[in-house]
Amino acid sequence: MAQIDEQPAAHRPDAVPHGHGLRLDHWDPDSPGHAEAWLRGRTDLEFLRWNTPLQPDIDLAGARTALRRQREQAATGGCAPFRIADAESGTTLGHIGINMIDRVSRSARVGYWVLPAERGRRVATRALALAARWTFAELGLYRLELGHALGHEASCRIARACGFPYEGTLRGAMFEAGRPNAFRDAHLHARLASDPDPALG
């Protein structure tokens, strides 16, 4: 079972969710290893097939800038980004972020990616389950949404395994791959704080 630090993350910037063999740690913009992993993940062809970043990362300097910008946004409470790390070795496996946090509606949107070499090990599934539980327990949110491009079957499976049922198809809700001037449909999944915690098996 995932273990969560008792004191809310808002008062414990060093607190990290951990469980399922993972730690959802903090990215360090000044770490060469973190910047390299971020760049590797965000320039991966499979990542770019399903995502179109508004500000693409093209080199290590850009990756460090992106990580600093992300840390600044997190400091305002608008998002909660995490580096997915192996609990024992600390090796970076990917990224998961709680984004678009709305304290009024008590909702947010979750997104994630996993480094190419780490795929097939249920990293995304374990990280999503851990992040969702942390979001409800520590941020006090009620609804957590997950959206992905139509046709991304792996994301559908991961969402359902983590208790995010399919809620519908959103027309033109995401950019086409590499084309911020064109749009494609997306599947919407969501989980509520009142939903049962799924057993990952």
C-alpha atoms as a PDB file:
ATOM      1  CA  MET A   1       0.000   0.000   0.000  1.00  0.00           C
ATOM      2  CA  ALA A   2       1.248   3.513  -0.817  1.00  0.00           C
ATOM      3  CA  GLN A   3       2.469   5.479   2.146  1.00  0.00           C
ATOM      4  CA  ILE A   4       1.764   9.197   2.410  1.00  0.00           C
ATOM      5  CA  ASP A   5       3.523  11.713   4.632  1.00  0.00           C
ATOM      6  CA  GLU A   6       1.094  12.842   7.316  1.00  0.00           C
ATOM      7  CA  GLN A   7       1.678  16.592   7.072  1.00  0.00           C
ATOM      8  CA  PRO A   8       0.224  18.266   3.941  1.00  0.00           C
ATOM      9  CA  ALA A   9       2.696  18.857   1.125  1.00  0.00           C
ATOM     10  CA  ALA A  10       1.863  22.577   1.182  1.00  0.00           C
ATOM     11  CA  HIS A  11       3.664  22.762   4.529  1.00  0.00           C
ATOM     12  CA  ARG A  12       6.302  20.169   3.722  1.00  0.00           C
ATOM     13  CA  PRO A  13       8.025  21.046   0.414  1.00  0.00           C
ATOM     14  CA  ASP A  14      10.445  18.160   0.958  1.00  0.00           C
ATOM     15  CA  ALA A  15       7.656  15.581   1.435  1.00  0.00           C
ATOM     16  CA  VAL A  16       7.341  13.019  -1.342  1.00  0.00           C
ATOM     17  CA  PRO A  17       4.729  10.305  -1.926  1.00  0.00           C
ATOM     18  CA  HIS A  18       6.159   6.811  -1.952  1.00  0.00           C
ATOM     19  CA  GLY A  19       4.895   3.278  -2.400  1.00  0.00           C
ATOM     20  CA  HIS A  20       4.462   0.575  -5.060  1.00  0.00           C
ATOM     21  CA  GLY A  21       8.277   0.491  -5.401  1.00  0.00           C
ATOM     22  CA  LEU A  22       8.394   4.174  -6.403  1.00  0.00           C
ATOM     23  CA  ARG A  23       9.120   7.608  -5.000  1.00  0.00           C
ATOM     24  CA  LEU A  24       7.469  10.645  -6.534  1.00  0.00           C
ATOM     25  CA  ASP A  25      10.398  12.952  -5.943  1.00  0.00           C
ATOM     26  CA  HIS A  26      11.153  16.543  -6.912  1.00  0.00           C
ATOM     27  CA  TRP A  27      12.940  17.596 -10.098  1.00  0.00           C
ATOM     28  CA  ASP A  28      16.151  19.579  -9.572  1.00  0.00           C
ATOM     29  CA  PRO A  29      16.864  22.052 -12.412  1.00  0.00           C
ATOM     30  CA  ASP A  30      20.513  22.208 -11.340  1.00  0.00           C
ATOM     31  CA  SER A  31      21.025  18.444 -11.598  1.00  0.00           C
ATOM     32  CA  PRO A  32      22.639  17.438 -14.927  1.00  0.00           C
ATOM     33  CA  GLY A  33      21.069  13.992 -14.600  1.00  0.00           C
ATOM     34  CA  HIS A  34      17.586  15.395 -14.077  1.00  0.00           C
ATOM     35  CA  ALA A  35      17.889  17.776 -17.026  1.00  0.00           C
ATOM     36  CA  GLU A  36      19.163  14.976 -19.259  1.00  0.00           C
ATOM     37  CA  ALA A  37      16.320  12.644 -18.256  1.00  0.00           C
ATOM     38  CA  TRP A  38      13.747  15.407 -18.816  1.00  0.00           C
ATOM     39  CA  LEU A  39      15.135  16.135 -22.276  1.00  0.00           C
ATOM     40  CA  ARG A  40      15.276  12.433 -23.172  1.00  0.00           C
ATOM     41  CA  GLY A  41      11.677  11.913 -22.140  1.00  0.00           C
ATOM     42  CA  ARG A  42      10.278  15.005 -23.839  1.00  0.00           C
ATOM     43  CA  THR A  43      12.068  14.421 -27.141  1.00  0.00           C
ATOM     44  CA  ASP A  44      11.142  10.735 -27.389  1.00  0.00           C
ATOM     45  CA  LEU A  45       9.215   9.992 -30.587  1.00  0.00           C
ATOM     46  CA  GLU A  46       6.490   8.053 -28.778  1.00  0.00           C
ATOM     47  CA  PHE A  47       5.987  10.962 -26.373  1.00  0.00           C
ATOM     48  CA  LEU A  48       5.721  13.381 -29.303  1.00  0.00           C
ATOM     49  CA  ARG A  49       3.252  11.081 -31.046  1.00  0.00           C
ATOM     50  CA  TRP A  50       0.697  11.716 -28.301  1.00  0.00           C
ATOM     51  CA  ASN A  51       1.748  15.130 -26.968  1.00  0.00           C
ATOM     52  CA  THR A  52       2.466  18.531 -28.488  1.00  0.00           C
ATOM     53  CA  PRO A  53       4.308  20.708 -25.953  1.00  0.00           C
ATOM     54  CA  LEU A  54       3.674  24.428 -26.304  1.00  0.00           C
ATOM     55  CA  GLN A  55       7.358  25.025 -25.586  1.00  0.00           C
ATOM     56  CA  PRO A  56       9.391  22.099 -26.967  1.00  0.00           C
ATOM     57  CA  ASP A  57      12.627  21.188 -25.213  1.00  0.00           C
ATOM     58  CA  ILE A  58      15.466  20.996 -27.726  1.00  0.00           C
ATOM     59  CA  ASP A  59      18.606  21.019 -25.580  1.00  0.00           C
ATOM     60  CA  LEU A  60      19.809  20.733 -21.984  1.00  0.00           C
ATOM     61  CA  ALA A  61      19.622  24.481 -21.439  1.00  0.00           C
ATOM     62  CA  GLY A  62      15.978  24.405 -22.484  1.00  0.00           C
ATOM     63  CA  ALA A  63      15.320  21.435 -20.217  1.00  0.00           C
ATOM     64  CA  ARG A  64      16.786  23.275 -17.217  1.00  0.00           C
ATOM     65  CA  THR A  65      14.673  26.331 -18.062  1.00  0.00           C
ATOM     66  CA  ALA A  66      11.555  24.163 -18.267  1.00  0.00           C
ATOM     67  CA  LEU A  67      12.305  22.587 -14.888  1.00  0.00           C
ATOM     68  CA  ARG A  68      12.843  25.997 -13.286  1.00  0.00           C
ATOM     69  CA  ARG A  69       9.606  27.296 -14.770  1.00  0.00           C
ATOM     70  CA  GLN A  70       7.796  24.224 -13.496  1.00  0.00           C
ATOM     71  CA  ARG A  71       9.203  24.722  -9.998  1.00  0.00           C
ATOM     72  CA  GLU A  72       8.048  28.361 -10.007  1.00  0.00           C
ATOM     73  CA  GLN A  73       4.531  27.333 -11.029  1.00  0.00           C
ATOM     74  CA  ALA A  74       4.467  24.688  -8.305  1.00  0.00           C
ATOM     75  CA  ALA A  75       5.425  27.304  -5.728  1.00  0.00           C
ATOM     76  CA  THR A  76       2.218  29.214  -6.527  1.00  0.00           C
ATOM     77  CA  GLY A  77       0.087  26.085  -5.993  1.00  0.00           C
ATOM     78  CA  GLY A  78      -1.019  25.773  -9.601  1.00  0.00           C
ATOM     79  CA  CYS A  79       0.591  22.384 -10.132  1.00  0.00           C
ATOM     80  CA  ALA A  80       2.445  19.599  -8.339  1.00  0.00           C
ATOM     81  CA  PRO A  81       5.138  18.052 -10.584  1.00  0.00           C
ATOM     82  CA  PHE A  82       6.990  14.895  -9.601  1.00  0.00           C
ATOM     83  CA  ARG A  83       9.977  12.960 -10.894  1.00  0.00           C
ATOM     84  CA  ILE A  84       9.059   9.272 -10.904  1.00  0.00           C
ATOM     85  CA  ALA A  85      12.007   7.487  -9.319  1.00  0.00           C
ATOM     86  CA  ASP A  86      12.803   3.913  -8.376  1.00  0.00           C
ATOM     87  CA  ALA A  87      12.400   3.659  -4.602  1.00  0.00           C
ATOM     88  CA  GLU A  88      15.663   1.762  -4.081  1.00  0.00           C
ATOM     89  CA  SER A  89      18.099   3.176  -6.623  1.00  0.00           C
ATOM     90  CA  GLY A  90      16.645   6.646  -7.121  1.00  0.00           C
ATOM     91  CA  THR A  91      16.902   6.198 -10.884  1.00  0.00           C
ATOM     92  CA  THR A  92      14.631   8.517 -12.858  1.00  0.00           C
ATOM     93  CA  LEU A  93      11.849   6.568 -14.579  1.00  0.00           C
ATOM     94  CA  GLY A  94       9.603   9.363 -15.835  1.00  0.00           C
ATOM     95  CA  HIS A  95       7.379  12.238 -14.820  1.00  0.00           C
ATOM     96  CA  ILE A  96       3.892  12.709 -13.392  1.00  0.00           C
ATOM     97  CA  GLY A  97       2.228  16.019 -12.669  1.00  0.00           C
ATOM     98  CA  ILE A  98      -0.966  17.227 -11.046  1.00  0.00           C
ATOM     99  CA  ASN A  99      -1.848  20.211 -13.226  1.00  0.00           C
ATOM    100  CA  MET A 100      -4.528  22.898 -13.524  1.00  0.00           C
ATOM    101  CA  ILE A 101      -5.239  22.687  -9.793  1.00  0.00           C
ATOM    102  CA  ASP A 102      -8.481  24.526  -9.034  1.00  0.00           C
ATOM    103  CA  ARG A 103      -9.047  24.971  -5.304  1.00  0.00           C
ATOM    104  CA  VAL A 104     -12.552  26.345  -5.840  1.00  0.00           C
ATOM    105  CA  SER A 105     -13.896  23.361  -7.793  1.00  0.00           C
ATOM    106  CA  ARG A 106     -11.455  21.046  -5.963  1.00  0.00           C
ATOM    107  CA  SER A 107     -10.334  19.536  -9.258  1.00  0.00           C
ATOM    108  CA  ALA A 108      -7.155  19.020 -11.265  1.00  0.00           C
ATOM    109  CA  ARG A 109      -5.800  17.243 -14.337  1.00  0.00           C
ATOM    110  CA  VAL A 110      -3.072  14.586 -14.214  1.00  0.00           C
ATOM    111  CA  GLY A 111      -0.496  13.878 -16.904  1.00  0.00           C
ATOM    112  CA  TYR A 112       2.534  11.623 -17.099  1.00  0.00           C
ATOM    113  CA  TRP A 113       5.235  10.114 -19.281  1.00  0.00           C
ATOM    114  CA  VAL A 114       7.719   7.286 -18.829  1.00  0.00           C
ATOM    115  CA  LEU A 115      11.229   7.051 -20.249  1.00  0.00           C
ATOM    116  CA  PRO A 116      11.491   4.619 -23.206  1.00  0.00           C
ATOM    117  CA  ALA A 117      13.762   2.135 -21.404  1.00  0.00           C
ATOM    118  CA  GLU A 118      11.319   1.874 -18.482  1.00  0.00           C
ATOM    119  CA  ARG A 119       8.161   1.054 -20.422  1.00  0.00           C
ATOM    120  CA  GLY A 120       6.523  -2.320 -19.920  1.00  0.00           C
ATOM    121  CA  ARG A 121       7.176  -2.349 -16.160  1.00  0.00           C
ATOM    122  CA  ARG A 122       3.858  -0.769 -15.096  1.00  0.00           C
ATOM    123  CA  VAL A 123       5.687   2.387 -14.033  1.00  0.00           C
ATOM    124  CA  ALA A 124       2.878   4.668 -15.242  1.00  0.00           C
ATOM    125  CA  THR A 125       0.213   2.528 -13.565  1.00  0.00           C
ATOM    126  CA  ARG A 126       2.001   2.484 -10.229  1.00  0.00           C
ATOM    127  CA  ALA A 127       2.832   6.197 -10.392  1.00  0.00           C
ATOM    128  CA  LEU A 128      -0.725   7.186 -11.314  1.00  0.00           C
ATOM    129  CA  ALA A 129      -2.213   5.167  -8.463  1.00  0.00           C
ATOM    130  CA  LEU A 130       0.237   6.743  -6.034  1.00  0.00           C
ATOM    131  CA  ALA A 131      -0.267  10.286  -7.351  1.00  0.00           C
ATOM    132  CA  ALA A 132      -4.059  10.016  -7.253  1.00  0.00           C
ATOM    133  CA  ARG A 133      -4.067   8.843  -3.661  1.00  0.00           C
ATOM    134  CA  TRP A 134      -1.664  11.647  -2.695  1.00  0.00           C
ATOM    135  CA  THR A 135      -3.791  14.247  -4.500  1.00  0.00           C
ATOM    136  CA  PHE A 136      -6.945  13.367  -2.608  1.00  0.00           C
ATOM    137  CA  ALA A 137      -5.218  12.955   0.761  1.00  0.00           C
ATOM    138  CA  GLU A 138      -2.842  15.922   0.678  1.00  0.00           C
ATOM    139  CA  LEU A 139      -4.439  18.506  -1.611  1.00  0.00           C
ATOM    140  CA  GLY A 140      -8.003  17.850  -0.509  1.00  0.00           C
ATOM    141  CA  LEU A 141      -9.265  17.721  -4.093  1.00  0.00           C
ATOM    142  CA  TYR A 142     -12.405  15.846  -5.082  1.00  0.00           C
ATOM    143  CA  ARG A 143     -12.045  15.228  -8.822  1.00  0.00           C
ATOM    144  CA  LEU A 144      -8.929  14.275 -10.792  1.00  0.00           C
ATOM    145  CA  GLU A 145      -9.202  14.144 -14.573  1.00  0.00           C
ATOM    146  CA  LEU A 146      -7.033  12.349 -17.108  1.00  0.00           C
ATOM    147  CA  GLY A 147      -7.218  13.100 -20.816  1.00  0.00           C
ATOM    148  CA  HIS A 148      -5.421  11.418 -23.701  1.00  0.00           C
ATOM    149  CA  ALA A 149      -5.525  11.501 -27.470  1.00  0.00           C
ATOM    150  CA  LEU A 150      -8.009   9.212 -29.161  1.00  0.00           C
ATOM    151  CA  GLY A 151      -6.281   5.960 -30.089  1.00  0.00           C
ATOM    152  CA  HIS A 152      -3.817   5.921 -27.206  1.00  0.00           C
ATOM    153  CA  GLU A 153      -4.954   2.528 -25.950  1.00  0.00           C
ATOM    154  CA  ALA A 154      -2.133   2.177 -23.412  1.00  0.00           C
ATOM    155  CA  SER A 155      -3.335   5.301 -21.600  1.00  0.00           C
ATOM    156  CA  CYS A 156      -6.892   3.928 -21.610  1.00  0.00           C
ATOM    157  CA  ARG A 157      -5.712   0.717 -19.933  1.00  0.00           C
ATOM    158  CA  ILE A 158      -3.626   2.573 -17.362  1.00  0.00           C
ATOM    159  CA  ALA A 159      -6.491   4.924 -16.511  1.00  0.00           C
ATOM    160  CA  ARG A 160      -8.987   2.116 -16.004  1.00  0.00           C
ATOM    161  CA  ALA A 161      -6.525   0.054 -13.943  1.00  0.00           C
ATOM    162  CA  CYS A 162      -6.108   3.029 -11.593  1.00  0.00           C
ATOM    163  CA  GLY A 163      -9.821   3.636 -11.099  1.00  0.00           C
ATOM    164  CA  PHE A 164     -10.297   6.335 -13.758  1.00  0.00           C
ATOM    165  CA  PRO A 165     -13.343   5.187 -15.781  1.00  0.00           C
ATOM    166  CA  TYR A 166     -13.949   6.479 -19.294  1.00  0.00           C
ATOM    167  CA  GLU A 167     -16.417   9.378 -19.215  1.00  0.00           C
ATOM    168  CA  GLY A 168     -16.634  10.400 -22.855  1.00  0.00           C
ATOM    169  CA  THR A 169     -14.923  11.738 -25.962  1.00  0.00           C
ATOM    170  CA  LEU A 170     -14.048  15.424 -26.148  1.00  0.00           C
ATOM    171  CA  ARG A 171     -14.098  16.799 -29.675  1.00  0.00           C
ATOM    172  CA  GLY A 172     -11.025  18.737 -30.779  1.00  0.00           C
ATOM    173  CA  ALA A 173      -9.670  18.864 -27.250  1.00  0.00           C
ATOM    174  CA  MET A 174      -5.978  18.232 -28.000  1.00  0.00           C
ATOM    175  CA  PHE A 175      -3.426  19.382 -30.542  1.00  0.00           C
ATOM    176  CA  GLU A 176      -2.536  17.036 -33.355  1.00  0.00           C
ATOM    177  CA  ALA A 177       0.966  15.564 -33.008  1.00  0.00           C
ATOM    178  CA  GLY A 178       3.443  18.343 -33.753  1.00  0.00           C
ATOM    179  CA  ARG A 179       0.684  20.651 -35.031  1.00  0.00           C
ATOM    180  CA  PRO A 180      -0.483  23.305 -32.542  1.00  0.00           C
ATOM    181  CA  ASN A 181      -2.728  24.752 -35.246  1.00  0.00           C
ATOM    182  CA  ALA A 182      -4.749  21.534 -35.677  1.00  0.00           C
ATOM    183  CA  PHE A 183      -6.845  19.546 -33.244  1.00  0.00           C
ATOM    184  CA  ARG A 184      -7.847  15.959 -32.457  1.00  0.00           C
ATOM    185  CA  ASP A 185     -10.358  14.270 -30.191  1.00  0.00           C
ATOM    186  CA  ALA A 186      -9.497  13.058 -26.709  1.00  0.00           C
ATOM    187  CA  HIS A 187     -10.816  10.538 -24.239  1.00  0.00           C
ATOM    188  CA  LEU A 188     -11.739  11.867 -20.804  1.00  0.00           C
ATOM    189  CA  HIS A 189     -11.284   9.704 -17.709  1.00  0.00           C
ATOM    190  CA  ALA A 190     -11.759  10.839 -14.116  1.00  0.00           C
ATOM    191  CA  ARG A 191     -11.567   9.598 -10.571  1.00  0.00           C
ATOM    192  CA  LEU A 192     -13.330  11.020  -7.520  1.00  0.00           C
ATOM    193  CA  ALA A 193     -12.067  11.101  -3.967  1.00  0.00           C
ATOM    194  CA  SER A 194     -15.100   9.000  -3.032  1.00  0.00           C
ATOM    195  CA  ASP A 195     -14.185   6.238  -5.504  1.00  0.00           C
ATOM    196  CA  PRO A 196     -12.624   3.078  -4.068  1.00  0.00           C
ATOM    197  CA  ASP A 197      -8.848   2.750  -4.144  1.00  0.00           C
ATOM    198  CA  PRO A 198      -8.179   0.112  -6.850  1.00  0.00           C
ATOM    199  CA  ALA A 199      -6.106  -2.976  -6.143  1.00  0.00           C
ATOM    200  CA  LEU A 200      -3.223  -3.026  -8.591  1.00  0.00           C
ATOM    201  CA  GLY A 201      -2.589  -6.751  -8.153  1.00  0.00           C
END
